[in-house]
Amino acid sequence: MDNISIEDGNAIIANFMKLQIELMNYGAVYRYTDGEVYRPSELKYHTSWDWLMPVITKIKDLILNNHPYDISIDKVDVLNLYITASIETVWEQTVYFIQWYNSNKTT
């Protein structure tokens, strides 16, 4: 994977999860599902399983529900990481999958 920063990777995930983006006087923030607002540097997808697992669930649902996009089996490696990988590895593969998904979806 390209050398993507944690902040950029977390922003990719936040956009995939359709978090609301708000403009505050100190810059853009994301409104998370708990109602709190977070600056891009404060997103916790790379350190919190509580944040990352809903993303994995969304990806799994896309794949298992036979989404109309051509999601080939080599792109679902992120689902095979549950048991053996660190959160850092799962986060990285999640960002990779979302980048692939975003560049291949037709709508």
PDB file of N, CA and C in Angstrom:
ATOM      1  N   MET A   1       0.848  -1.175   0.000  1.00  0.00           N
ATOM      2  CA  MET A   1       0.000   0.000   0.000  1.00  0.00           C
ATOM      3  C   MET A   1       0.889   1.232   0.000  1.00  0.00           C
ATOM      4  N   ASP A   2       0.409   2.270  -0.658  1.00  0.00           N
ATOM      5  CA  ASP A   2       1.143   3.518  -0.652  1.00  0.00           C
ATOM      6  C   ASP A   2       1.318   3.982   0.780  1.00  0.00           C
ATOM      7  N   ASN A   3       2.318   4.809   0.986  1.00  0.00           N
ATOM      8  CA  ASN A   3       2.546   5.348   2.320  1.00  0.00           C
ATOM      9  C   ASN A   3       1.485   6.387   2.630  1.00  0.00           C
ATOM     10  N   ILE A   4       0.379   5.939   3.135  1.00  0.00           N
ATOM     11  CA  ILE A   4      -0.727   6.829   3.475  1.00  0.00           C
ATOM     12  C   ILE A   4      -0.634   7.147   4.961  1.00  0.00           C
ATOM     13  N   SER A   5      -0.870   8.387   5.293  1.00  0.00           N
ATOM     14  CA  SER A   5      -0.798   8.776   6.698  1.00  0.00           C
ATOM     15  C   SER A   5      -2.007   8.221   7.454  1.00  0.00           C
ATOM     16  N   ILE A   6      -1.851   8.099   8.741  1.00  0.00           N
ATOM     17  CA  ILE A   6      -2.955   7.633   9.581  1.00  0.00           C
ATOM     18  C   ILE A   6      -4.142   8.575   9.441  1.00  0.00           C
ATOM     19  N   GLU A   7      -3.873   9.878   9.451  1.00  0.00           N
ATOM     20  CA  GLU A   7      -4.955  10.854   9.341  1.00  0.00           C
ATOM     21  C   GLU A   7      -5.701  10.707   8.007  1.00  0.00           C
ATOM     22  N   ASP A   8      -4.954  10.547   6.919  1.00  0.00           N
ATOM     23  CA  ASP A   8      -5.592  10.374   5.607  1.00  0.00           C
ATOM     24  C   ASP A   8      -6.369   9.060   5.543  1.00  0.00           C
ATOM     25  N   GLY A   9      -5.780   7.995   6.068  1.00  0.00           N
ATOM     26  CA  GLY A   9      -6.468   6.703   6.084  1.00  0.00           C
ATOM     27  C   GLY A   9      -7.752   6.759   6.897  1.00  0.00           C
ATOM     28  N   ASN A  10      -7.689   7.409   8.046  1.00  0.00           N
ATOM     29  CA  ASN A  10      -8.886   7.539   8.877  1.00  0.00           C
ATOM     30  C   ASN A  10      -9.954   8.383   8.186  1.00  0.00           C
ATOM     31  N   ALA A  11      -9.534   9.402   7.436  1.00  0.00           N
ATOM     32  CA  ALA A  11     -10.497  10.217   6.692  1.00  0.00           C
ATOM     33  C   ALA A  11     -11.157   9.399   5.587  1.00  0.00           C
ATOM     34  N   ILE A  12     -10.387   8.533   4.927  1.00  0.00           N
ATOM     35  CA  ILE A  12     -10.957   7.642   3.913  1.00  0.00           C
ATOM     36  C   ILE A  12     -12.022   6.751   4.536  1.00  0.00           C
ATOM     37  N   ILE A  13     -11.721   6.200   5.694  1.00  0.00           N
ATOM     38  CA  ILE A  13     -12.687   5.336   6.386  1.00  0.00           C
ATOM     39  C   ILE A  13     -13.913   6.145   6.811  1.00  0.00           C
ATOM     40  N   ALA A  14     -13.704   7.323   7.386  1.00  0.00           N
ATOM     41  CA  ALA A  14     -14.825   8.158   7.842  1.00  0.00           C
ATOM     42  C   ALA A  14     -15.756   8.498   6.687  1.00  0.00           C
ATOM     43  N   ASN A  15     -15.190   8.810   5.531  1.00  0.00           N
ATOM     44  CA  ASN A  15     -16.016   9.109   4.358  1.00  0.00           C
ATOM     45  C   ASN A  15     -16.773   7.874   3.891  1.00  0.00           C
ATOM     46  N   PHE A  16     -16.127   6.712   3.914  1.00  0.00           N
ATOM     47  CA  PHE A  16     -16.769   5.449   3.548  1.00  0.00           C
ATOM     48  C   PHE A  16     -17.944   5.163   4.482  1.00  0.00           C
ATOM     49  N   MET A  17     -17.778   5.486   5.746  1.00  0.00           N
ATOM     50  CA  MET A  17     -18.830   5.259   6.737  1.00  0.00           C
ATOM     51  C   MET A  17     -19.870   6.379   6.728  1.00  0.00           C
ATOM     52  N   LYS A  18     -19.680   7.357   5.843  1.00  0.00           N
ATOM     53  CA  LYS A  18     -20.610   8.464   5.655  1.00  0.00           C
ATOM     54  C   LYS A  18     -20.814   9.283   6.931  1.00  0.00           C
ATOM     55  N   LEU A  19     -19.707   9.496   7.658  1.00  0.00           N
ATOM     56  CA  LEU A  19     -19.799  10.377   8.817  1.00  0.00           C
ATOM     57  C   LEU A  19     -20.064  11.793   8.329  1.00  0.00           C
ATOM     58  N   GLN A  20     -20.852  12.501   9.093  1.00  0.00           N
ATOM     59  CA  GLN A  20     -21.173  13.881   8.752  1.00  0.00           C
ATOM     60  C   GLN A  20     -19.942  14.754   8.970  1.00  0.00           C
ATOM     61  N   ILE A  21     -19.637  15.579   7.982  1.00  0.00           N
ATOM     62  CA  ILE A  21     -18.523  16.513   8.096  1.00  0.00           C
ATOM     63  C   ILE A  21     -19.097  17.895   8.380  1.00  0.00           C
ATOM     64  N   GLU A  22     -18.559  18.548   9.396  1.00  0.00           N
ATOM     65  CA  GLU A  22     -19.026  19.882   9.767  1.00  0.00           C
ATOM     66  C   GLU A  22     -17.846  20.843   9.757  1.00  0.00           C
ATOM     67  N   LEU A  23     -18.107  22.063   9.376  1.00  0.00           N
ATOM     68  CA  LEU A  23     -17.072  23.087   9.378  1.00  0.00           C
ATOM     69  C   LEU A  23     -17.209  23.914  10.652  1.00  0.00           C
ATOM     70  N   MET A  24     -16.186  23.871  11.470  1.00  0.00           N
ATOM     71  CA  MET A  24     -16.155  24.643  12.707  1.00  0.00           C
ATOM     72  C   MET A  24     -15.178  25.800  12.515  1.00  0.00           C
ATOM     73  N   ASN A  25     -15.127  26.694  13.472  1.00  0.00           N
ATOM     74  CA  ASN A  25     -14.221  27.838  13.337  1.00  0.00           C
ATOM     75  C   ASN A  25     -12.752  27.419  13.328  1.00  0.00           C
ATOM     76  N   TYR A  26     -12.446  26.228  13.803  1.00  0.00           N
ATOM     77  CA  TYR A  26     -11.065  25.744  13.826  1.00  0.00           C
ATOM     78  C   TYR A  26     -10.794  24.708  12.739  1.00  0.00           C
ATOM     79  N   GLY A  27     -11.757  24.481  11.841  1.00  0.00           N
ATOM     80  CA  GLY A  27     -11.558  23.545  10.732  1.00  0.00           C
ATOM     81  C   GLY A  27     -12.659  22.506  10.655  1.00  0.00           C
ATOM     82  N   ALA A  28     -12.474  21.604   9.741  1.00  0.00           N
ATOM     83  CA  ALA A  28     -13.464  20.552   9.521  1.00  0.00           C
ATOM     84  C   ALA A  28     -13.378  19.500  10.620  1.00  0.00           C
ATOM     85  N   VAL A  29     -14.530  18.984  11.007  1.00  0.00           N
ATOM     86  CA  VAL A  29     -14.607  17.904  11.987  1.00  0.00           C
ATOM     87  C   VAL A  29     -15.592  16.866  11.473  1.00  0.00           C
ATOM     88  N   TYR A  30     -15.454  15.657  11.992  1.00  0.00           N
ATOM     89  CA  TYR A  30     -16.386  14.578  11.692  1.00  0.00           C
ATOM     90  C   TYR A  30     -17.280  14.369  12.898  1.00  0.00           C
ATOM     91  N   ARG A  31     -18.576  14.221  12.651  1.00  0.00           N
ATOM     92  CA  ARG A  31     -19.498  13.871  13.727  1.00  0.00           C
ATOM     93  C   ARG A  31     -19.597  12.356  13.742  1.00  0.00           C
ATOM     94  N   TYR A  32     -19.119  11.745  14.812  1.00  0.00           N
ATOM     95  CA  TYR A  32     -19.092  10.284  14.934  1.00  0.00           C
ATOM     96  C   TYR A  32     -20.446   9.779  15.411  1.00  0.00           C
ATOM     97  N   THR A  33     -20.618   8.472  15.360  1.00  0.00           N
ATOM     98  CA  THR A  33     -21.908   7.871  15.703  1.00  0.00           C
ATOM     99  C   THR A  33     -22.319   8.110  17.152  1.00  0.00           C
ATOM    100  N   ASP A  34     -21.362   8.420  18.018  1.00  0.00           N
ATOM    101  CA  ASP A  34     -21.710   8.702  19.415  1.00  0.00           C
ATOM    102  C   ASP A  34     -22.136  10.157  19.614  1.00  0.00           C
ATOM    103  N   GLY A  35     -22.179  10.940  18.518  1.00  0.00           N
ATOM    104  CA  GLY A  35     -22.590  12.335  18.590  1.00  0.00           C
ATOM    105  C   GLY A  35     -21.452  13.306  18.825  1.00  0.00           C
ATOM    106  N   GLU A  36     -20.307  12.791  19.234  1.00  0.00           N
ATOM    107  CA  GLU A  36     -19.143  13.639  19.466  1.00  0.00           C
ATOM    108  C   GLU A  36     -18.540  14.070  18.135  1.00  0.00           C
ATOM    109  N   VAL A  37     -17.845  15.192  18.151  1.00  0.00           N
ATOM    110  CA  VAL A  37     -17.135  15.645  16.958  1.00  0.00           C
ATOM    111  C   VAL A  37     -15.642  15.417  17.149  1.00  0.00           C
ATOM    112  N   TYR A  38     -14.986  15.043  16.060  1.00  0.00           N
ATOM    113  CA  TYR A  38     -13.567  14.727  16.095  1.00  0.00           C
ATOM    114  C   TYR A  38     -12.864  15.411  14.929  1.00  0.00           C
ATOM    115  N   ARG A  39     -11.741  16.024  15.207  1.00  0.00           N
ATOM    116  CA  ARG A  39     -10.881  16.516  14.133  1.00  0.00           C
ATOM    117  C   ARG A  39     -10.328  15.287  13.415  1.00  0.00           C
ATOM    118  N   PRO A  40      -9.921  15.449  12.160  1.00  0.00           N
ATOM    119  CA  PRO A  40      -9.369  14.289  11.449  1.00  0.00           C
ATOM    120  C   PRO A  40      -8.240  13.596  12.222  1.00  0.00           C
ATOM    121  N   SER A  41      -7.426  14.353  12.912  1.00  0.00           N
ATOM    122  CA  SER A  41      -6.321  13.757  13.670  1.00  0.00           C
ATOM    123  C   SER A  41      -6.784  13.002  14.910  1.00  0.00           C
ATOM    124  N   GLU A  42      -8.048  13.164  15.293  1.00  0.00           N
ATOM    125  CA  GLU A  42      -8.566  12.517  16.503  1.00  0.00           C
ATOM    126  C   GLU A  42      -9.382  11.257  16.216  1.00  0.00           C
ATOM    127  N   LEU A  43      -9.595  10.933  14.942  1.00  0.00           N
ATOM    128  CA  LEU A  43     -10.334   9.709  14.608  1.00  0.00           C
ATOM    129  C   LEU A  43      -9.548   8.506  15.100  1.00  0.00           C
ATOM    130  N   LYS A  44     -10.244   7.454  15.538  1.00  0.00           N
ATOM    131  CA  LYS A  44      -9.593   6.354  16.252  1.00  0.00           C
ATOM    132  C   LYS A  44      -9.662   5.012  15.529  1.00  0.00           C
ATOM    133  N   TYR A  45      -9.916   5.035  14.223  1.00  0.00           N
ATOM    134  CA  TYR A  45     -10.031   3.762  13.497  1.00  0.00           C
ATOM    135  C   TYR A  45      -8.761   2.925  13.590  1.00  0.00           C
ATOM    136  N   HIS A  46      -7.623   3.552  13.686  1.00  0.00           N
ATOM    137  CA  HIS A  46      -6.352   2.837  13.702  1.00  0.00           C
ATOM    138  C   HIS A  46      -5.976   2.303  15.082  1.00  0.00           C
ATOM    139  N   THR A  47      -6.715   2.689  16.129  1.00  0.00           N
ATOM    140  CA  THR A  47      -6.366   2.248  17.487  1.00  0.00           C
ATOM    141  C   THR A  47      -7.511   1.595  18.248  1.00  0.00           C
ATOM    142  N   SER A  48      -8.727   1.664  17.725  1.00  0.00           N
ATOM    143  CA  SER A  48      -9.881   1.171  18.479  1.00  0.00           C
ATOM    144  C   SER A  48     -10.674   0.142  17.674  1.00  0.00           C
ATOM    145  N   TRP A  49     -10.751  -1.062  18.217  1.00  0.00           N
ATOM    146  CA  TRP A  49     -11.585  -2.087  17.578  1.00  0.00           C
ATOM    147  C   TRP A  49     -13.043  -1.654  17.589  1.00  0.00           C
ATOM    148  N   ASP A  50     -13.463  -0.892  18.605  1.00  0.00           N
ATOM    149  CA  ASP A  50     -14.842  -0.409  18.661  1.00  0.00           C
ATOM    150  C   ASP A  50     -15.164   0.486  17.470  1.00  0.00           C
ATOM    151  N   TRP A  51     -14.188   1.208  16.973  1.00  0.00           N
ATOM    152  CA  TRP A  51     -14.387   2.057  15.799  1.00  0.00           C
ATOM    153  C   TRP A  51     -14.231   1.263  14.511  1.00  0.00           C
ATOM    154  N   LEU A  52     -13.267   0.350  14.479  1.00  0.00           N
ATOM    155  CA  LEU A  52     -12.937  -0.339  13.234  1.00  0.00           C
ATOM    156  C   LEU A  52     -13.917  -1.458  12.884  1.00  0.00           C
ATOM    157  N   MET A  53     -14.456  -2.149  13.868  1.00  0.00           N
ATOM    158  CA  MET A  53     -15.311  -3.300  13.570  1.00  0.00           C
ATOM    159  C   MET A  53     -16.585  -2.935  12.792  1.00  0.00           C
ATOM    160  N   PRO A  54     -17.244  -1.805  13.053  1.00  0.00           N
ATOM    161  CA  PRO A  54     -18.389  -1.458  12.195  1.00  0.00           C
ATOM    162  C   PRO A  54     -17.992  -1.267  10.726  1.00  0.00           C
ATOM    163  N   VAL A  55     -16.781  -0.831  10.488  1.00  0.00           N
ATOM    164  CA  VAL A  55     -16.284  -0.677   9.114  1.00  0.00           C
ATOM    165  C   VAL A  55     -16.128  -2.056   8.478  1.00  0.00           C
ATOM    166  N   ILE A  56     -15.537  -2.977   9.221  1.00  0.00           N
ATOM    167  CA  ILE A  56     -15.359  -4.352   8.736  1.00  0.00           C
ATOM    168  C   ILE A  56     -16.725  -4.979   8.466  1.00  0.00           C
ATOM    169  N   THR A  57     -17.669  -4.730   9.338  1.00  0.00           N
ATOM    170  CA  THR A  57     -19.022  -5.259   9.145  1.00  0.00           C
ATOM    171  C   THR A  57     -19.641  -4.706   7.868  1.00  0.00           C
ATOM    172  N   LYS A  58     -19.463  -3.426   7.603  1.00  0.00           N
ATOM    173  CA  LYS A  58     -20.004  -2.837   6.376  1.00  0.00           C
ATOM    174  C   LYS A  58     -19.356  -3.468   5.149  1.00  0.00           C
ATOM    175  N   ILE A  59     -18.040  -3.666   5.187  1.00  0.00           N
ATOM    176  CA  ILE A  59     -17.346  -4.310   4.074  1.00  0.00           C
ATOM    177  C   ILE A  59     -17.846  -5.737   3.894  1.00  0.00           C
ATOM    178  N   LYS A  60     -17.970  -6.460   4.993  1.00  0.00           N
ATOM    179  CA  LYS A  60     -18.464  -7.845   4.932  1.00  0.00           C
ATOM    180  C   LYS A  60     -19.851  -7.886   4.321  1.00  0.00           C
ATOM    181  N   ASP A  61     -20.712  -6.973   4.720  1.00  0.00           N
ATOM    182  CA  ASP A  61     -22.072  -6.931   4.167  1.00  0.00           C
ATOM    183  C   ASP A  61     -22.061  -6.631   2.673  1.00  0.00           C
ATOM    184  N   LEU A  62     -21.178  -5.746   2.234  1.00  0.00           N
ATOM    185  CA  LEU A  62     -21.060  -5.467   0.802  1.00  0.00           C
ATOM    186  C   LEU A  62     -20.710  -6.737   0.031  1.00  0.00           C
ATOM    187  N   ILE A  63     -19.787  -7.491   0.580  1.00  0.00           N
ATOM    188  CA  ILE A  63     -19.316  -8.694  -0.090  1.00  0.00           C
ATOM    189  C   ILE A  63     -20.359  -9.804  -0.023  1.00  0.00           C
ATOM    190  N   LEU A  64     -20.901 -10.063   1.147  1.00  0.00           N
ATOM    191  CA  LEU A  64     -21.826 -11.180   1.314  1.00  0.00           C
ATOM    192  C   LEU A  64     -23.182 -10.949   0.681  1.00  0.00           C
ATOM    193  N   ASN A  65     -23.574  -9.699   0.531  1.00  0.00           N
ATOM    194  CA  ASN A  65     -24.861  -9.398  -0.087  1.00  0.00           C
ATOM    195  C   ASN A  65     -24.757  -9.289  -1.599  1.00  0.00           C
ATOM    196  N   ASN A  66     -23.634  -9.794  -2.137  1.00  0.00           N
ATOM    197  CA  ASN A  66     -23.450  -9.821  -3.589  1.00  0.00           C
ATOM    198  C   ASN A  66     -23.718  -8.457  -4.200  1.00  0.00           C
ATOM    199  N   HIS A  67     -23.029  -7.469  -3.662  1.00  0.00           N
ATOM    200  CA  HIS A  67     -23.173  -6.103  -4.142  1.00  0.00           C
ATOM    201  C   HIS A  67     -22.909  -6.061  -5.638  1.00  0.00           C
ATOM    202  N   PRO A  68     -23.564  -5.174  -6.380  1.00  0.00           N
ATOM    203  CA  PRO A  68     -23.422  -5.180  -7.840  1.00  0.00           C
ATOM    204  C   PRO A  68     -22.030  -4.841  -8.351  1.00  0.00           C
ATOM    205  N   TYR A  69     -21.152  -4.375  -7.489  1.00  0.00           N
ATOM    206  CA  TYR A  69     -19.799  -4.090  -7.939  1.00  0.00           C
ATOM    207  C   TYR A  69     -19.029  -5.385  -8.057  1.00  0.00           C
ATOM    208  N   ASP A  70     -18.046  -5.409  -8.916  1.00  0.00           N
ATOM    209  CA  ASP A  70     -17.244  -6.609  -9.139  1.00  0.00           C
ATOM    210  C   ASP A  70     -16.204  -6.730  -8.034  1.00  0.00           C
ATOM    211  N   ILE A  71     -16.612  -7.305  -6.917  1.00  0.00           N
ATOM    212  CA  ILE A  71     -15.711  -7.495  -5.791  1.00  0.00           C
ATOM    213  C   ILE A  71     -15.139  -8.897  -5.907  1.00  0.00           C
ATOM    214  N   SER A  72     -13.938  -8.992  -6.414  1.00  0.00           N
ATOM    215  CA  SER A  72     -13.321 -10.295  -6.608  1.00  0.00           C
ATOM    216  C   SER A  72     -12.746 -10.811  -5.298  1.00  0.00           C
ATOM    217  N   ILE A  73     -12.543 -12.106  -5.238  1.00  0.00           N
ATOM    218  CA  ILE A  73     -12.135 -12.757  -3.995  1.00  0.00           C
ATOM    219  C   ILE A  73     -10.788 -12.241  -3.489  1.00  0.00           C
ATOM    220  N   ASP A  74      -9.877 -11.813  -4.374  1.00  0.00           N
ATOM    221  CA  ASP A  74      -8.594 -11.321  -3.895  1.00  0.00           C
ATOM    222  C   ASP A  74      -8.716  -9.983  -3.181  1.00  0.00           C
ATOM    223  N   LYS A  75      -9.840  -9.324  -3.282  1.00  0.00           N
ATOM    224  CA  LYS A  75     -10.046  -8.045  -2.617  1.00  0.00           C
ATOM    225  C   LYS A  75     -10.695  -8.193  -1.246  1.00  0.00           C
ATOM    226  N   VAL A  76     -10.985  -9.399  -0.822  1.00  0.00           N
ATOM    227  CA  VAL A  76     -11.643  -9.586   0.469  1.00  0.00           C
ATOM    228  C   VAL A  76     -10.672 -10.083   1.538  1.00  0.00           C
ATOM    229  N   ASP A  77      -9.393  -9.900   1.308  1.00  0.00           N
ATOM    230  CA  ASP A  77      -8.410 -10.334   2.293  1.00  0.00           C
ATOM    231  C   ASP A  77      -8.648  -9.719   3.658  1.00  0.00           C
ATOM    232  N   VAL A  78      -9.218  -8.528   3.685  1.00  0.00           N
ATOM    233  CA  VAL A  78      -9.466  -7.867   4.962  1.00  0.00           C
ATOM    234  C   VAL A  78     -10.346  -8.735   5.861  1.00  0.00           C
ATOM    235  N   LEU A  79     -11.239  -9.517   5.286  1.00  0.00           N
ATOM    236  CA  LEU A  79     -12.115 -10.372   6.090  1.00  0.00           C
ATOM    237  C   LEU A  79     -11.368 -11.550   6.705  1.00  0.00           C
ATOM    238  N   ASN A  80     -10.249 -11.922   6.125  1.00  0.00           N
ATOM    239  CA  ASN A  80      -9.476 -13.049   6.637  1.00  0.00           C
ATOM    240  C   ASN A  80      -8.524 -12.652   7.757  1.00  0.00           C
ATOM    241  N   LEU A  81      -8.494 -11.406   8.113  1.00  0.00           N
ATOM    242  CA  LEU A  81      -7.539 -10.915   9.103  1.00  0.00           C
ATOM    243  C   LEU A  81      -8.072 -10.913  10.528  1.00  0.00           C
ATOM    244  N   TYR A  82      -9.344 -11.226  10.715  1.00  0.00           N
ATOM    245  CA  TYR A  82      -9.966 -11.120  12.034  1.00  0.00           C
ATOM    246  C   TYR A  82      -9.175 -11.788  13.154  1.00  0.00           C
ATOM    247  N   ILE A  83      -8.728 -12.990  12.931  1.00  0.00           N
ATOM    248  CA  ILE A  83      -8.188 -13.789  14.029  1.00  0.00           C
ATOM    249  C   ILE A  83      -6.718 -13.529  14.284  1.00  0.00           C
ATOM    250  N   THR A  84      -5.937 -13.370  13.224  1.00  0.00           N
ATOM    251  CA  THR A  84      -4.487 -13.381  13.404  1.00  0.00           C
ATOM    252  C   THR A  84      -3.803 -12.028  13.317  1.00  0.00           C
ATOM    253  N   ALA A  85      -4.452 -11.013  12.851  1.00  0.00           N
ATOM    254  CA  ALA A  85      -3.748  -9.765  12.569  1.00  0.00           C
ATOM    255  C   ALA A  85      -3.919  -8.730  13.672  1.00  0.00           C
ATOM    256  N   SER A  86      -2.965  -7.820  13.691  1.00  0.00           N
ATOM    257  CA  SER A  86      -3.022  -6.687  14.610  1.00  0.00           C
ATOM    258  C   SER A  86      -4.008  -5.658  14.079  1.00  0.00           C
ATOM    259  N   ILE A  87      -4.424  -4.746  14.929  1.00  0.00           N
ATOM    260  CA  ILE A  87      -5.336  -3.688  14.493  1.00  0.00           C
ATOM    261  C   ILE A  87      -4.675  -2.833  13.412  1.00  0.00           C
ATOM    262  N   GLU A  88      -3.366  -2.645  13.496  1.00  0.00           N
ATOM    263  CA  GLU A  88      -2.673  -1.858  12.493  1.00  0.00           C
ATOM    264  C   GLU A  88      -2.791  -2.494  11.107  1.00  0.00           C
ATOM    265  N   THR A  89      -2.630  -3.821  11.040  1.00  0.00           N
ATOM    266  CA  THR A  89      -2.732  -4.538   9.775  1.00  0.00           C
ATOM    267  C   THR A  89      -4.156  -4.515   9.250  1.00  0.00           C
ATOM    268  N   VAL A  90      -5.122  -4.731  10.123  1.00  0.00           N
ATOM    269  CA  VAL A  90      -6.523  -4.698   9.701  1.00  0.00           C
ATOM    270  C   VAL A  90      -6.888  -3.299   9.220  1.00  0.00           C
ATOM    271  N   TRP A  91      -6.441  -2.266   9.932  1.00  0.00           N
ATOM    272  CA  TRP A  91      -6.702  -0.883   9.519  1.00  0.00           C
ATOM    273  C   TRP A  91      -6.130  -0.622   8.133  1.00  0.00           C
ATOM    274  N   GLU A  92      -4.878  -1.017   7.920  1.00  0.00           N
ATOM    275  CA  GLU A  92      -4.217  -0.785   6.634  1.00  0.00           C
ATOM    276  C   GLU A  92      -4.969  -1.493   5.499  1.00  0.00           C
ATOM    277  N   GLN A  93      -5.348  -2.747   5.707  1.00  0.00           N
ATOM    278  CA  GLN A  93      -6.066  -3.491   4.678  1.00  0.00           C
ATOM    279  C   GLN A  93      -7.471  -2.925   4.451  1.00  0.00           C
ATOM    280  N   THR A  94      -8.075  -2.393   5.496  1.00  0.00           N
ATOM    281  CA  THR A  94      -9.380  -1.750   5.365  1.00  0.00           C
ATOM    282  C   THR A  94      -9.275  -0.513   4.483  1.00  0.00           C
ATOM    283  N   VAL A  95      -8.273   0.315   4.727  1.00  0.00           N
ATOM    284  CA  VAL A  95      -8.063   1.503   3.893  1.00  0.00           C
ATOM    285  C   VAL A  95      -7.808   1.080   2.453  1.00  0.00           C
ATOM    286  N   TYR A  96      -6.989   0.060   2.254  1.00  0.00           N
ATOM    287  CA  TYR A  96      -6.696  -0.443   0.913  1.00  0.00           C
ATOM    288  C   TYR A  96      -7.985  -0.885   0.214  1.00  0.00           C
ATOM    289  N   PHE A  97      -8.805  -1.645   0.925  1.00  0.00           N
ATOM    290  CA  PHE A  97     -10.060  -2.110   0.328  1.00  0.00           C
ATOM    291  C   PHE A  97     -10.957  -0.939  -0.047  1.00  0.00           C
ATOM    292  N   ILE A  98     -11.106   0.040   0.836  1.00  0.00           N
ATOM    293  CA  ILE A  98     -11.981   1.186   0.564  1.00  0.00           C
ATOM    294  C   ILE A  98     -11.464   1.967  -0.640  1.00  0.00           C
ATOM    295  N   GLN A  99     -10.152   2.144  -0.736  1.00  0.00           N
ATOM    296  CA  GLN A  99      -9.604   2.827  -1.907  1.00  0.00           C
ATOM    297  C   GLN A  99      -9.937   2.053  -3.179  1.00  0.00           C
ATOM    298  N   TRP A 100      -9.755   0.744  -3.143  1.00  0.00           N
ATOM    299  CA  TRP A 100     -10.089  -0.091  -4.300  1.00  0.00           C
ATOM    300  C   TRP A 100     -11.581   0.019  -4.614  1.00  0.00           C
ATOM    301  N   TYR A 101     -12.404  -0.109  -3.603  1.00  0.00           N
ATOM    302  CA  TYR A 101     -13.860  -0.058  -3.766  1.00  0.00           C
ATOM    303  C   TYR A 101     -14.281   1.278  -4.371  1.00  0.00           C
ATOM    304  N   ASN A 102     -13.761   2.362  -3.822  1.00  0.00           N
ATOM    305  CA  ASN A 102     -14.135   3.692  -4.323  1.00  0.00           C
ATOM    306  C   ASN A 102     -13.727   3.904  -5.778  1.00  0.00           C
ATOM    307  N   SER A 103     -12.611   3.332  -6.171  1.00  0.00           N
ATOM    308  CA  SER A 103     -12.164   3.517  -7.557  1.00  0.00           C
ATOM    309  C   SER A 103     -12.846   2.564  -8.528  1.00  0.00           C
ATOM    310  N   ASN A 104     -13.559   1.557  -8.027  1.00  0.00           N
ATOM    311  CA  ASN A 104     -14.214   0.575  -8.905  1.00  0.00           C
ATOM    312  C   ASN A 104     -15.734   0.628  -8.891  1.00  0.00           C
ATOM    313  N   LYS A 105     -16.333   1.357  -7.971  1.00  0.00           N
ATOM    314  CA  LYS A 105     -17.791   1.414  -7.958  1.00  0.00           C
ATOM    315  C   LYS A 105     -18.283   2.266  -9.120  1.00  0.00           C
ATOM    316  N   THR A 106     -19.479   1.979  -9.546  1.00  0.00           N
ATOM    317  CA  THR A 106     -20.003   2.644 -10.741  1.00  0.00           C
ATOM    318  C   THR A 106     -20.997   3.743 -10.418  1.00  0.00           C
ATOM    319  N   THR A 107     -21.404   3.888  -9.166  1.00  0.00           N
ATOM    320  CA  THR A 107     -22.343   4.950  -8.814  1.00  0.00           C
ATOM    321  C   THR A 107     -21.746   5.855  -7.771  1.00  0.00           C
TER     322      THR A 107
END
